[in-house]
Amino acid sequence: MNIDWSKYINYEINVTLNENYGVVHSDKMENPFYEIVFKAGMLKEIFDDGLLLLTAYKGRDIEVFIPYSSIKCVEIIHPQKN
């Protein structure tokens, strides 16, 4: 199934990534676990190989490219109805 991402340009999205970037472990845990890694922002552009998000970090605009192969799940946040 292919999704028509163009319908969601300028929507806020949360993307859960397939990759795990770190292990969380403490003395109280028997086994370490991988933390869930996600990116959030406004869907700015769509490419053949991924999505471009616009987000802010420390008061600066940041563009984040996410290849489709890295996407596990996407939450699409619809604008509130007035």
C-alpha atoms as a PDB file:
ATOM      1  CA  MET A   1       0.000   0.000   0.000  1.00  0.00           C
ATOM      2  CA  ASN A   2       1.269   3.448  -0.873  1.00  0.00           C
ATOM      3  CA  ILE A   3       0.099   6.531   0.974  1.00  0.00           C
ATOM      4  CA  ASP A   4      -0.524   9.831  -0.823  1.00  0.00           C
ATOM      5  CA  TRP A   5       1.675  12.024   1.370  1.00  0.00           C
ATOM      6  CA  SER A   6       0.747  15.162  -0.614  1.00  0.00           C
ATOM      7  CA  LYS A   7      -2.576  15.241   1.263  1.00  0.00           C
ATOM      8  CA  TYR A   8      -0.635  15.849   4.489  1.00  0.00           C
ATOM      9  CA  ILE A   9       1.719  18.686   3.504  1.00  0.00           C
ATOM     10  CA  ASN A  10       1.827  21.239   6.374  1.00  0.00           C
ATOM     11  CA  TYR A  11       0.353  18.720   8.839  1.00  0.00           C
ATOM     12  CA  GLU A  12       2.185  17.911  12.046  1.00  0.00           C
ATOM     13  CA  ILE A  13       3.467  14.345  12.067  1.00  0.00           C
ATOM     14  CA  ASN A  14       5.265  12.098  14.526  1.00  0.00           C
ATOM     15  CA  VAL A  15       7.474   9.450  12.938  1.00  0.00           C
ATOM     16  CA  THR A  16       8.631   6.384  14.860  1.00  0.00           C
ATOM     17  CA  LEU A  17      11.859   5.088  13.348  1.00  0.00           C
ATOM     18  CA  ASN A  18      12.900   1.490  12.765  1.00  0.00           C
ATOM     19  CA  GLU A  19      16.364   2.183  14.108  1.00  0.00           C
ATOM     20  CA  ASN A  20      17.138   2.215  17.822  1.00  0.00           C
ATOM     21  CA  TYR A  21      19.846   4.713  18.699  1.00  0.00           C
ATOM     22  CA  GLY A  22      20.625   3.715  22.236  1.00  0.00           C
ATOM     23  CA  VAL A  23      20.255   1.202  24.967  1.00  0.00           C
ATOM     24  CA  VAL A  24      18.598   2.192  28.233  1.00  0.00           C
ATOM     25  CA  HIS A  25      19.950   0.345  31.233  1.00  0.00           C
ATOM     26  CA  SER A  26      20.048   0.821  34.990  1.00  0.00           C
ATOM     27  CA  ASP A  27      20.996  -1.247  38.006  1.00  0.00           C
ATOM     28  CA  LYS A  28      17.306  -1.810  38.773  1.00  0.00           C
ATOM     29  CA  MET A  29      16.599  -3.491  35.415  1.00  0.00           C
ATOM     30  CA  GLU A  30      17.360  -7.111  34.679  1.00  0.00           C
ATOM     31  CA  ASN A  31      17.694  -6.567  30.954  1.00  0.00           C
ATOM     32  CA  PRO A  32      18.477  -3.419  28.967  1.00  0.00           C
ATOM     33  CA  PHE A  33      15.997  -2.275  26.327  1.00  0.00           C
ATOM     34  CA  TYR A  34      16.222  -0.111  23.242  1.00  0.00           C
ATOM     35  CA  GLU A  35      14.654   3.298  23.482  1.00  0.00           C
ATOM     36  CA  ILE A  36      11.994   4.265  20.972  1.00  0.00           C
ATOM     37  CA  VAL A  37      13.350   6.833  18.562  1.00  0.00           C
ATOM     38  CA  PHE A  38      11.060   9.290  16.824  1.00  0.00           C
ATOM     39  CA  LYS A  39      11.084  12.573  14.945  1.00  0.00           C
ATOM     40  CA  ALA A  40       8.294  15.140  14.992  1.00  0.00           C
ATOM     41  CA  GLY A  41       7.574  18.184  12.898  1.00  0.00           C
ATOM     42  CA  MET A  42       5.601  19.651  10.038  1.00  0.00           C
ATOM     43  CA  LEU A  43       5.637  17.691   6.784  1.00  0.00           C
ATOM     44  CA  LYS A  44       7.310  20.130   4.418  1.00  0.00           C
ATOM     45  CA  GLU A  45       8.180  18.152   1.288  1.00  0.00           C
ATOM     46  CA  ILE A  46       7.866  14.690  -0.198  1.00  0.00           C
ATOM     47  CA  PHE A  47      10.563  12.947  -2.210  1.00  0.00           C
ATOM     48  CA  ASP A  48      10.760   9.629  -4.057  1.00  0.00           C
ATOM     49  CA  ASP A  49      12.911   8.241  -1.242  1.00  0.00           C
ATOM     50  CA  GLY A  50      11.606   9.966   1.902  1.00  0.00           C
ATOM     51  CA  LEU A  51       9.942  12.813   3.785  1.00  0.00           C
ATOM     52  CA  LEU A  52      11.285  16.222   4.796  1.00  0.00           C
ATOM     53  CA  LEU A  53      10.098  17.567   8.153  1.00  0.00           C
ATOM     54  CA  LEU A  54      10.452  21.089   9.506  1.00  0.00           C
ATOM     55  CA  THR A  55      10.974  21.333  13.240  1.00  0.00           C
ATOM     56  CA  ALA A  56      12.608  23.672  15.760  1.00  0.00           C
ATOM     57  CA  TYR A  57      15.626  23.077  17.968  1.00  0.00           C
ATOM     58  CA  LYS A  58      16.953  25.673  20.402  1.00  0.00           C
ATOM     59  CA  GLY A  59      15.031  28.420  18.634  1.00  0.00           C
ATOM     60  CA  ARG A  60      16.259  27.496  15.142  1.00  0.00           C
ATOM     61  CA  ASP A  61      14.398  25.889  12.257  1.00  0.00           C
ATOM     62  CA  ILE A  62      15.755  22.450  11.398  1.00  0.00           C
ATOM     63  CA  GLU A  63      14.893  20.356   8.362  1.00  0.00           C
ATOM     64  CA  VAL A  64      15.020  16.589   8.908  1.00  0.00           C
ATOM     65  CA  PHE A  65      15.045  14.117   6.022  1.00  0.00           C
ATOM     66  CA  ILE A  66      13.659  10.670   6.859  1.00  0.00           C
ATOM     67  CA  PRO A  67      14.096   7.883   4.289  1.00  0.00           C
ATOM     68  CA  TYR A  68      11.008   5.695   3.832  1.00  0.00           C
ATOM     69  CA  SER A  69      13.091   2.659   4.802  1.00  0.00           C
ATOM     70  CA  SER A  70      13.577   4.174   8.287  1.00  0.00           C
ATOM     71  CA  ILE A  71       9.870   4.722   8.976  1.00  0.00           C
ATOM     72  CA  LYS A  72       8.147   2.258  11.278  1.00  0.00           C
ATOM     73  CA  CYS A  73       4.995   4.236  12.086  1.00  0.00           C
ATOM     74  CA  VAL A  74       3.580   7.721  11.408  1.00  0.00           C
ATOM     75  CA  GLU A  75       1.046   9.647  13.463  1.00  0.00           C
ATOM     76  CA  ILE A  76      -0.687  12.345  11.422  1.00  0.00           C
ATOM     77  CA  ILE A  77      -2.095  15.163  13.547  1.00  0.00           C
ATOM     78  CA  HIS A  78      -5.103  16.761  11.915  1.00  0.00           C
ATOM     79  CA  PRO A  79      -5.745  20.460  12.523  1.00  0.00           C
ATOM     80  CA  GLN A  80      -8.394  21.239  15.098  1.00  0.00           C
ATOM     81  CA  LYS A  81     -11.818  22.049  13.722  1.00  0.00           C
ATOM     82  CA  ASN A  82     -13.232  25.412  14.741  1.00  0.00           C
END
